[in-house]
Amino acid sequence: MKVYHVSSYADMCRKAANIISAQILLHPNSNLGLATGSTPIGIYERLVEAYDLGDLDFSGVTTFNLDEYCGLSENDPQSYHYYMNEHLFSKVNIDRANAHVPKGNTGDADLECKRYETLITAGGGIDLQLLGIGNNGHIGFNEPSTVFEKDTHCVSLDEGTILANARFFDNPSDVPRQAITMGIGTIMQAKKILLVANGKTEILNKSLYGPITPNIPASILQLHPDLTVIWSDK
């Protein structure tokens, strides 16, 4: 485990983007696992800047997003399909057929979970997985539990997660109560994991240095052979 404490959010984004850029430059056909939320936005901005400068080529890259809300269409402004188009996919030369996000409004979440897990496996797995961390230690939408869920699955969101995400919606009642998420096993099979955090010092310390327990899902990352953590407390 490599841990970098940087001085600011901007420094965190710059360092994380450099790691992702190096992955693409060294392995142009990389499979990247991507995250959403407020923390990665600056990272995607740096990647787009590098693309605009001609330093990055996304044409051979395949992406798999961690999660998606159940019940939201791809065109819903609060969906993670929309988020990824807004912050990355529409701004670089990625083949949109290779930019994968779980489908939240299929009507059969269990079937979609199986389809998405099969898609990741058939693609050869994830080379580098970008992660954020929730206030309760969730990664993806893997909430505190009594077990580590292995594969992509449908999860009921904790009230704390719903409250934290309510700032993106007009009303807290509009936040979906369920989501499709990669499982802990899927995440842990990534060859490299890059965890970024802005603040959240207490839960980060528990996750990296405390007991490994499904009650703090991110704690399992201690067992990954190639984990890089970049965090800022500002």
C-alpha atoms as a PDB file:
ATOM      1  CA  MET A   1       0.000   0.000   0.000  1.00  0.00           C
ATOM      2  CA  LYS A   2       1.289   3.438  -1.007  1.00  0.00           C
ATOM      3  CA  VAL A   3      -0.266   6.415   0.753  1.00  0.00           C
ATOM      4  CA  TYR A   4       0.255  10.015  -0.371  1.00  0.00           C
ATOM      5  CA  HIS A   5      -0.956  12.896   1.788  1.00  0.00           C
ATOM      6  CA  VAL A   6      -1.116  15.977  -0.428  1.00  0.00           C
ATOM      7  CA  SER A   7      -1.722  19.611   0.424  1.00  0.00           C
ATOM      8  CA  SER A   8      -4.945  20.295  -1.466  1.00  0.00           C
ATOM      9  CA  TYR A   9      -7.774  18.892  -3.547  1.00  0.00           C
ATOM     10  CA  ALA A  10      -6.066  20.268  -6.666  1.00  0.00           C
ATOM     11  CA  ASP A  11      -2.869  18.378  -5.807  1.00  0.00           C
ATOM     12  CA  MET A  12      -4.864  15.199  -5.194  1.00  0.00           C
ATOM     13  CA  CYS A  13      -6.551  15.504  -8.596  1.00  0.00           C
ATOM     14  CA  ARG A  14      -3.279  16.239 -10.363  1.00  0.00           C
ATOM     15  CA  LYS A  15      -1.466  13.264  -8.855  1.00  0.00           C
ATOM     16  CA  ALA A  16      -4.379  10.888  -9.461  1.00  0.00           C
ATOM     17  CA  ALA A  17      -4.744  12.049 -13.064  1.00  0.00           C
ATOM     18  CA  ASN A  18      -1.017  11.521 -13.594  1.00  0.00           C
ATOM     19  CA  ILE A  19      -1.325   7.911 -12.421  1.00  0.00           C
ATOM     20  CA  ILE A  20      -4.288   7.257 -14.725  1.00  0.00           C
ATOM     21  CA  SER A  21      -2.503   8.999 -17.603  1.00  0.00           C
ATOM     22  CA  ALA A  22       0.562   6.824 -17.099  1.00  0.00           C
ATOM     23  CA  GLN A  23      -1.643   3.728 -17.230  1.00  0.00           C
ATOM     24  CA  ILE A  24      -3.106   4.831 -20.568  1.00  0.00           C
ATOM     25  CA  LEU A  25       0.251   5.858 -22.028  1.00  0.00           C
ATOM     26  CA  LEU A  26       1.929   2.588 -21.073  1.00  0.00           C
ATOM     27  CA  HIS A  27      -1.076   0.423 -21.915  1.00  0.00           C
ATOM     28  CA  PRO A  28      -3.282   2.162 -24.531  1.00  0.00           C
ATOM     29  CA  ASN A  29      -5.831  -0.681 -24.451  1.00  0.00           C
ATOM     30  CA  SER A  30      -6.364  -0.492 -20.696  1.00  0.00           C
ATOM     31  CA  ASN A  31      -9.612  -1.385 -18.953  1.00  0.00           C
ATOM     32  CA  LEU A  32     -10.297   1.404 -16.472  1.00  0.00           C
ATOM     33  CA  GLY A  33     -12.759   1.185 -13.594  1.00  0.00           C
ATOM     34  CA  LEU A  34     -14.259   4.631 -12.999  1.00  0.00           C
ATOM     35  CA  ALA A  35     -16.006   6.337 -10.090  1.00  0.00           C
ATOM     36  CA  THR A  36     -18.489   9.193  -9.805  1.00  0.00           C
ATOM     37  CA  GLY A  37     -19.431  11.754  -7.164  1.00  0.00           C
ATOM     38  CA  SER A  38     -17.874  15.126  -6.402  1.00  0.00           C
ATOM     39  CA  THR A  39     -14.334  13.916  -5.638  1.00  0.00           C
ATOM     40  CA  PRO A  40     -13.340  12.591  -9.110  1.00  0.00           C
ATOM     41  CA  ILE A  41     -14.575  15.665 -11.028  1.00  0.00           C
ATOM     42  CA  GLY A  42     -11.214  17.427 -10.796  1.00  0.00           C
ATOM     43  CA  ILE A  43      -9.442  14.245 -11.895  1.00  0.00           C
ATOM     44  CA  TYR A  44     -11.568  14.031 -15.030  1.00  0.00           C
ATOM     45  CA  GLU A  45     -10.886  17.721 -15.722  1.00  0.00           C
ATOM     46  CA  ARG A  46      -7.136  17.049 -15.659  1.00  0.00           C
ATOM     47  CA  LEU A  47      -7.537  14.044 -17.987  1.00  0.00           C
ATOM     48  CA  VAL A  48      -9.567  16.132 -20.437  1.00  0.00           C
ATOM     49  CA  GLU A  49      -6.891  18.837 -20.333  1.00  0.00           C
ATOM     50  CA  ALA A  50      -4.224  16.242 -21.169  1.00  0.00           C
ATOM     51  CA  TYR A  51      -6.358  14.980 -24.057  1.00  0.00           C
ATOM     52  CA  ASP A  52      -6.878  18.518 -25.379  1.00  0.00           C
ATOM     53  CA  LEU A  53      -3.109  19.041 -25.323  1.00  0.00           C
ATOM     54  CA  GLY A  54      -2.654  15.893 -27.402  1.00  0.00           C
ATOM     55  CA  ASP A  55      -0.954  14.023 -24.572  1.00  0.00           C
ATOM     56  CA  LEU A  56      -3.606  11.303 -24.135  1.00  0.00           C
ATOM     57  CA  ASP A  57      -5.448   9.043 -26.545  1.00  0.00           C
ATOM     58  CA  PHE A  58      -8.578   7.286 -25.262  1.00  0.00           C
ATOM     59  CA  SER A  59      -9.397   5.486 -28.522  1.00  0.00           C
ATOM     60  CA  GLY A  60      -8.202   2.106 -27.231  1.00  0.00           C
ATOM     61  CA  VAL A  61      -9.473   2.499 -23.671  1.00  0.00           C
ATOM     62  CA  THR A  62     -12.422   0.552 -22.259  1.00  0.00           C
ATOM     63  CA  THR A  63     -14.168   1.787 -19.112  1.00  0.00           C
ATOM     64  CA  PHE A  64     -16.434   0.160 -16.542  1.00  0.00           C
ATOM     65  CA  ASN A  65     -18.189   2.392 -14.054  1.00  0.00           C
ATOM     66  CA  LEU A  66     -18.657   1.234 -10.491  1.00  0.00           C
ATOM     67  CA  ASP A  67     -22.361   1.826 -10.135  1.00  0.00           C
ATOM     68  CA  GLU A  68     -25.656   3.359 -11.211  1.00  0.00           C
ATOM     69  CA  TYR A  69     -28.887   4.306  -9.479  1.00  0.00           C
ATOM     70  CA  CYS A  70     -31.831   1.982 -10.017  1.00  0.00           C
ATOM     71  CA  GLY A  71     -34.758   3.559 -11.805  1.00  0.00           C
ATOM     72  CA  LEU A  72     -32.939   6.392 -13.583  1.00  0.00           C
ATOM     73  CA  SER A  73     -32.675   6.526 -17.370  1.00  0.00           C
ATOM     74  CA  GLU A  74     -29.359   7.198 -19.069  1.00  0.00           C
ATOM     75  CA  ASN A  75     -30.571  10.711 -19.953  1.00  0.00           C
ATOM     76  CA  ASP A  76     -31.591  11.636 -16.412  1.00  0.00           C
ATOM     77  CA  PRO A  77     -29.265  14.463 -15.251  1.00  0.00           C
ATOM     78  CA  GLN A  78     -28.774  12.640 -11.931  1.00  0.00           C
ATOM     79  CA  SER A  79     -27.775   9.333 -13.516  1.00  0.00           C
ATOM     80  CA  TYR A  80     -24.158   8.273 -13.622  1.00  0.00           C
ATOM     81  CA  HIS A  81     -24.439   7.749 -17.384  1.00  0.00           C
ATOM     82  CA  TYR A  82     -25.175  11.470 -17.638  1.00  0.00           C
ATOM     83  CA  TYR A  83     -22.401  12.342 -15.170  1.00  0.00           C
ATOM     84  CA  MET A  84     -19.766  10.434 -17.136  1.00  0.00           C
ATOM     85  CA  ASN A  85     -20.877  11.934 -20.446  1.00  0.00           C
ATOM     86  CA  GLU A  86     -20.782  15.396 -18.906  1.00  0.00           C
ATOM     87  CA  HIS A  87     -17.369  15.099 -17.266  1.00  0.00           C
ATOM     88  CA  LEU A  88     -15.407  12.758 -19.529  1.00  0.00           C
ATOM     89  CA  PHE A  89     -16.915  10.692 -22.331  1.00  0.00           C
ATOM     90  CA  SER A  90     -18.187  13.606 -24.453  1.00  0.00           C
ATOM     91  CA  LYS A  91     -14.861  15.431 -24.144  1.00  0.00           C
ATOM     92  CA  VAL A  92     -12.379  12.757 -25.239  1.00  0.00           C
ATOM     93  CA  ASN A  93     -12.088  10.302 -28.146  1.00  0.00           C
ATOM     94  CA  ILE A  94     -13.242   7.198 -26.322  1.00  0.00           C
ATOM     95  CA  ASP A  95     -15.289   4.725 -28.369  1.00  0.00           C
ATOM     96  CA  ARG A  96     -18.692   5.071 -26.730  1.00  0.00           C
ATOM     97  CA  ALA A  97     -19.349   1.375 -27.322  1.00  0.00           C
ATOM     98  CA  ASN A  98     -16.461   0.717 -24.922  1.00  0.00           C
ATOM     99  CA  ALA A  99     -17.678   3.097 -22.188  1.00  0.00           C
ATOM    100  CA  HIS A 100     -19.786   0.919 -19.882  1.00  0.00           C
ATOM    101  CA  VAL A 101     -22.095   1.984 -17.066  1.00  0.00           C
ATOM    102  CA  PRO A 102     -24.672  -0.332 -15.457  1.00  0.00           C
ATOM    103  CA  LYS A 103     -28.191   0.206 -16.794  1.00  0.00           C
ATOM    104  CA  GLY A 104     -30.362   1.406 -13.947  1.00  0.00           C
ATOM    105  CA  ASN A 105     -33.763   1.274 -15.632  1.00  0.00           C
ATOM    106  CA  THR A 106     -33.812  -2.158 -17.249  1.00  0.00           C
ATOM    107  CA  GLY A 107     -36.721  -3.376 -15.121  1.00  0.00           C
ATOM    108  CA  ASP A 108     -34.739  -6.440 -14.029  1.00  0.00           C
ATOM    109  CA  ALA A 109     -31.874  -5.333 -11.800  1.00  0.00           C
ATOM    110  CA  ASP A 110     -30.698  -8.874 -11.038  1.00  0.00           C
ATOM    111  CA  LEU A 111     -30.392  -9.711 -14.721  1.00  0.00           C
ATOM    112  CA  GLU A 112     -28.514  -6.458 -15.337  1.00  0.00           C
ATOM    113  CA  CYS A 113     -26.110  -7.290 -12.503  1.00  0.00           C
ATOM    114  CA  LYS A 114     -25.299 -10.641 -14.114  1.00  0.00           C
ATOM    115  CA  ARG A 115     -24.910  -9.030 -17.541  1.00  0.00           C
ATOM    116  CA  TYR A 116     -22.531  -6.383 -16.205  1.00  0.00           C
ATOM    117  CA  GLU A 117     -20.416  -8.840 -14.235  1.00  0.00           C
ATOM    118  CA  THR A 118     -20.113 -11.054 -17.330  1.00  0.00           C
ATOM    119  CA  LEU A 119     -19.147  -8.022 -19.412  1.00  0.00           C
ATOM    120  CA  ILE A 120     -16.270  -7.170 -17.061  1.00  0.00           C
ATOM    121  CA  THR A 121     -15.041 -10.769 -16.976  1.00  0.00           C
ATOM    122  CA  ALA A 122     -15.281 -11.181 -20.755  1.00  0.00           C
ATOM    123  CA  GLY A 123     -13.320  -7.973 -21.210  1.00  0.00           C
ATOM    124  CA  GLY A 124     -10.416  -9.362 -19.202  1.00  0.00           C
ATOM    125  CA  GLY A 125     -11.103  -7.614 -15.907  1.00  0.00           C
ATOM    126  CA  ILE A 126     -10.042  -4.166 -14.759  1.00  0.00           C
ATOM    127  CA  ASP A 127      -6.465  -2.940 -15.038  1.00  0.00           C
ATOM    128  CA  LEU A 128      -6.828   0.157 -12.851  1.00  0.00           C
ATOM    129  CA  GLN A 129      -9.810   0.880 -10.619  1.00  0.00           C
ATOM    130  CA  LEU A 130     -10.481   4.430  -9.404  1.00  0.00           C
ATOM    131  CA  LEU A 131     -12.334   4.590  -6.087  1.00  0.00           C
ATOM    132  CA  GLY A 132     -13.710   7.205  -3.752  1.00  0.00           C
ATOM    133  CA  ILE A 133     -14.841   6.458  -0.211  1.00  0.00           C
ATOM    134  CA  GLY A 134     -18.111   7.216   1.538  1.00  0.00           C
ATOM    135  CA  ASN A 135     -18.523   8.646   5.015  1.00  0.00           C
ATOM    136  CA  ASN A 136     -19.423   5.159   6.252  1.00  0.00           C
ATOM    137  CA  GLY A 137     -16.546   3.482   4.415  1.00  0.00           C
ATOM    138  CA  HIS A 138     -18.519   2.346   1.388  1.00  0.00           C
ATOM    139  CA  ILE A 139     -16.730   1.837  -1.927  1.00  0.00           C
ATOM    140  CA  GLY A 140     -18.890   1.840  -4.999  1.00  0.00           C
ATOM    141  CA  PHE A 141     -22.264   1.466  -3.343  1.00  0.00           C
ATOM    142  CA  ASN A 142     -21.127  -1.448  -1.165  1.00  0.00           C
ATOM    143  CA  GLU A 143     -22.639  -0.364   2.135  1.00  0.00           C
ATOM    144  CA  PRO A 144     -21.630  -1.616   5.614  1.00  0.00           C
ATOM    145  CA  SER A 145     -22.852  -5.182   5.996  1.00  0.00           C
ATOM    146  CA  THR A 146     -22.176  -8.496   7.699  1.00  0.00           C
ATOM    147  CA  VAL A 147     -20.470  -9.927   4.590  1.00  0.00           C
ATOM    148  CA  PHE A 148     -18.353  -8.714   1.679  1.00  0.00           C
ATOM    149  CA  GLU A 149     -20.542  -9.017  -1.407  1.00  0.00           C
ATOM    150  CA  LYS A 150     -18.555 -10.657  -4.190  1.00  0.00           C
ATOM    151  CA  ASP A 151     -20.130  -9.818  -7.560  1.00  0.00           C
ATOM    152  CA  THR A 152     -22.086  -6.969  -9.122  1.00  0.00           C
ATOM    153  CA  HIS A 153     -25.368  -6.727  -7.228  1.00  0.00           C
ATOM    154  CA  CYS A 154     -28.331  -4.531  -6.345  1.00  0.00           C
ATOM    155  CA  VAL A 155     -28.071  -2.804  -2.982  1.00  0.00           C
ATOM    156  CA  SER A 156     -30.389  -0.770  -0.758  1.00  0.00           C
ATOM    157  CA  LEU A 157     -28.664   2.472   0.138  1.00  0.00           C
ATOM    158  CA  ASP A 158     -28.053   3.509   3.744  1.00  0.00           C
ATOM    159  CA  GLU A 159     -29.878   6.583   4.980  1.00  0.00           C
ATOM    160  CA  GLY A 160     -26.503   8.276   5.480  1.00  0.00           C
ATOM    161  CA  THR A 161     -25.581   7.670   1.842  1.00  0.00           C
ATOM    162  CA  ILE A 162     -28.959   8.955   0.690  1.00  0.00           C
ATOM    163  CA  LEU A 163     -28.519  12.079   2.811  1.00  0.00           C
ATOM    164  CA  ALA A 164     -24.959  12.651   1.514  1.00  0.00           C
ATOM    165  CA  ASN A 165     -26.146  12.371  -2.098  1.00  0.00           C
ATOM    166  CA  ALA A 166     -29.247  14.517  -1.577  1.00  0.00           C
ATOM    167  CA  ARG A 167     -27.238  17.649  -2.417  1.00  0.00           C
ATOM    168  CA  PHE A 168     -27.262  16.560  -6.058  1.00  0.00           C
ATOM    169  CA  PHE A 169     -31.080  16.351  -6.166  1.00  0.00           C
ATOM    170  CA  ASP A 170     -33.867  18.935  -5.832  1.00  0.00           C
ATOM    171  CA  ASN A 171     -35.348  17.007  -2.907  1.00  0.00           C
ATOM    172  CA  PRO A 172     -33.926  14.295  -0.624  1.00  0.00           C
ATOM    173  CA  SER A 173     -37.007  12.257  -1.492  1.00  0.00           C
ATOM    174  CA  ASP A 174     -35.836  12.197  -5.116  1.00  0.00           C
ATOM    175  CA  VAL A 175     -32.685  10.227  -4.287  1.00  0.00           C
ATOM    176  CA  PRO A 176     -33.121   6.608  -5.460  1.00  0.00           C
ATOM    177  CA  ARG A 177     -33.151   4.084  -2.630  1.00  0.00           C
ATOM    178  CA  GLN A 178     -31.378   1.347  -4.568  1.00  0.00           C
ATOM    179  CA  ALA A 179     -28.393   1.081  -6.872  1.00  0.00           C
ATOM    180  CA  ILE A 180     -26.458  -1.450  -8.927  1.00  0.00           C
ATOM    181  CA  THR A 181     -22.830  -1.686  -7.866  1.00  0.00           C
ATOM    182  CA  MET A 182     -19.743  -3.737  -8.581  1.00  0.00           C
ATOM    183  CA  GLY A 183     -19.171  -6.124  -5.717  1.00  0.00           C
ATOM    184  CA  ILE A 184     -16.178  -6.135  -3.394  1.00  0.00           C
ATOM    185  CA  GLY A 185     -14.845  -9.223  -5.154  1.00  0.00           C
ATOM    186  CA  THR A 186     -15.053  -7.520  -8.548  1.00  0.00           C
ATOM    187  CA  ILE A 187     -13.242  -4.454  -7.226  1.00  0.00           C
ATOM    188  CA  MET A 188     -10.542  -6.507  -5.521  1.00  0.00           C
ATOM    189  CA  GLN A 189      -9.798  -8.385  -8.751  1.00  0.00           C
ATOM    190  CA  ALA A 190      -8.571  -5.160 -10.383  1.00  0.00           C
ATOM    191  CA  LYS A 191      -4.833  -5.295 -11.036  1.00  0.00           C
ATOM    192  CA  LYS A 192      -4.339  -1.822  -9.503  1.00  0.00           C
ATOM    193  CA  ILE A 193      -6.560   0.257  -7.249  1.00  0.00           C
ATOM    194  CA  LEU A 194      -6.350   4.037  -6.861  1.00  0.00           C
ATOM    195  CA  LEU A 195      -8.308   5.371  -3.869  1.00  0.00           C
ATOM    196  CA  VAL A 196      -8.810   9.134  -3.595  1.00  0.00           C
ATOM    197  CA  ALA A 197     -10.282  11.053  -0.662  1.00  0.00           C
ATOM    198  CA  ASN A 198     -10.818  14.723   0.062  1.00  0.00           C
ATOM    199  CA  GLY A 199     -11.233  15.020   3.817  1.00  0.00           C
ATOM    200  CA  LYS A 200     -12.875  11.966   5.455  1.00  0.00           C
ATOM    201  CA  THR A 201      -9.724  11.487   7.533  1.00  0.00           C
ATOM    202  CA  GLU A 202     -11.397   9.462  10.290  1.00  0.00           C
ATOM    203  CA  ILE A 203     -13.043   6.852   8.067  1.00  0.00           C
ATOM    204  CA  LEU A 204      -9.935   6.695   5.881  1.00  0.00           C
ATOM    205  CA  ASN A 205      -7.761   5.853   8.889  1.00  0.00           C
ATOM    206  CA  LYS A 206     -10.223   3.186  10.031  1.00  0.00           C
ATOM    207  CA  SER A 207     -10.283   1.712   6.533  1.00  0.00           C
ATOM    208  CA  LEU A 208      -6.530   1.619   6.008  1.00  0.00           C
ATOM    209  CA  TYR A 209      -5.280   0.807   9.504  1.00  0.00           C
ATOM    210  CA  GLY A 210      -8.181  -0.682  11.451  1.00  0.00           C
ATOM    211  CA  PRO A 211      -9.686  -4.170  11.510  1.00  0.00           C
ATOM    212  CA  ILE A 212     -10.766  -5.658   8.190  1.00  0.00           C
ATOM    213  CA  THR A 213     -14.525  -5.905   8.491  1.00  0.00           C
ATOM    214  CA  PRO A 214     -17.533  -5.746   6.139  1.00  0.00           C
ATOM    215  CA  ASN A 215     -18.909  -3.119   8.513  1.00  0.00           C
ATOM    216  CA  ILE A 216     -16.276  -0.844   6.920  1.00  0.00           C
ATOM    217  CA  PRO A 217     -16.234  -2.101   3.320  1.00  0.00           C
ATOM    218  CA  ALA A 218     -13.123  -0.136   2.311  1.00  0.00           C
ATOM    219  CA  SER A 219     -11.087  -1.967   4.957  1.00  0.00           C
ATOM    220  CA  ILE A 220     -10.795  -4.930   2.565  1.00  0.00           C
ATOM    221  CA  LEU A 221      -8.488  -2.778   0.440  1.00  0.00           C
ATOM    222  CA  GLN A 222      -5.723  -3.464   2.960  1.00  0.00           C
ATOM    223  CA  LEU A 223      -5.426  -6.899   1.343  1.00  0.00           C
ATOM    224  CA  HIS A 224      -4.963  -5.632  -2.213  1.00  0.00           C
ATOM    225  CA  PRO A 225      -1.426  -6.156  -3.556  1.00  0.00           C
ATOM    226  CA  ASP A 226      -1.287  -2.861  -5.511  1.00  0.00           C
ATOM    227  CA  LEU A 227      -3.230  -0.123  -3.687  1.00  0.00           C
ATOM    228  CA  THR A 228      -2.389   3.571  -4.013  1.00  0.00           C
ATOM    229  CA  VAL A 229      -4.140   6.095  -1.780  1.00  0.00           C
ATOM    230  CA  ILE A 230      -4.065   9.857  -2.379  1.00  0.00           C
ATOM    231  CA  TRP A 231      -5.802  12.038   0.171  1.00  0.00           C
ATOM    232  CA  SER A 232      -6.088  15.639   1.186  1.00  0.00           C
ATOM    233  CA  ASP A 233      -7.580  16.925   4.418  1.00  0.00           C
ATOM    234  CA  LYS A 234      -8.475  20.284   2.815  1.00  0.00           C
END
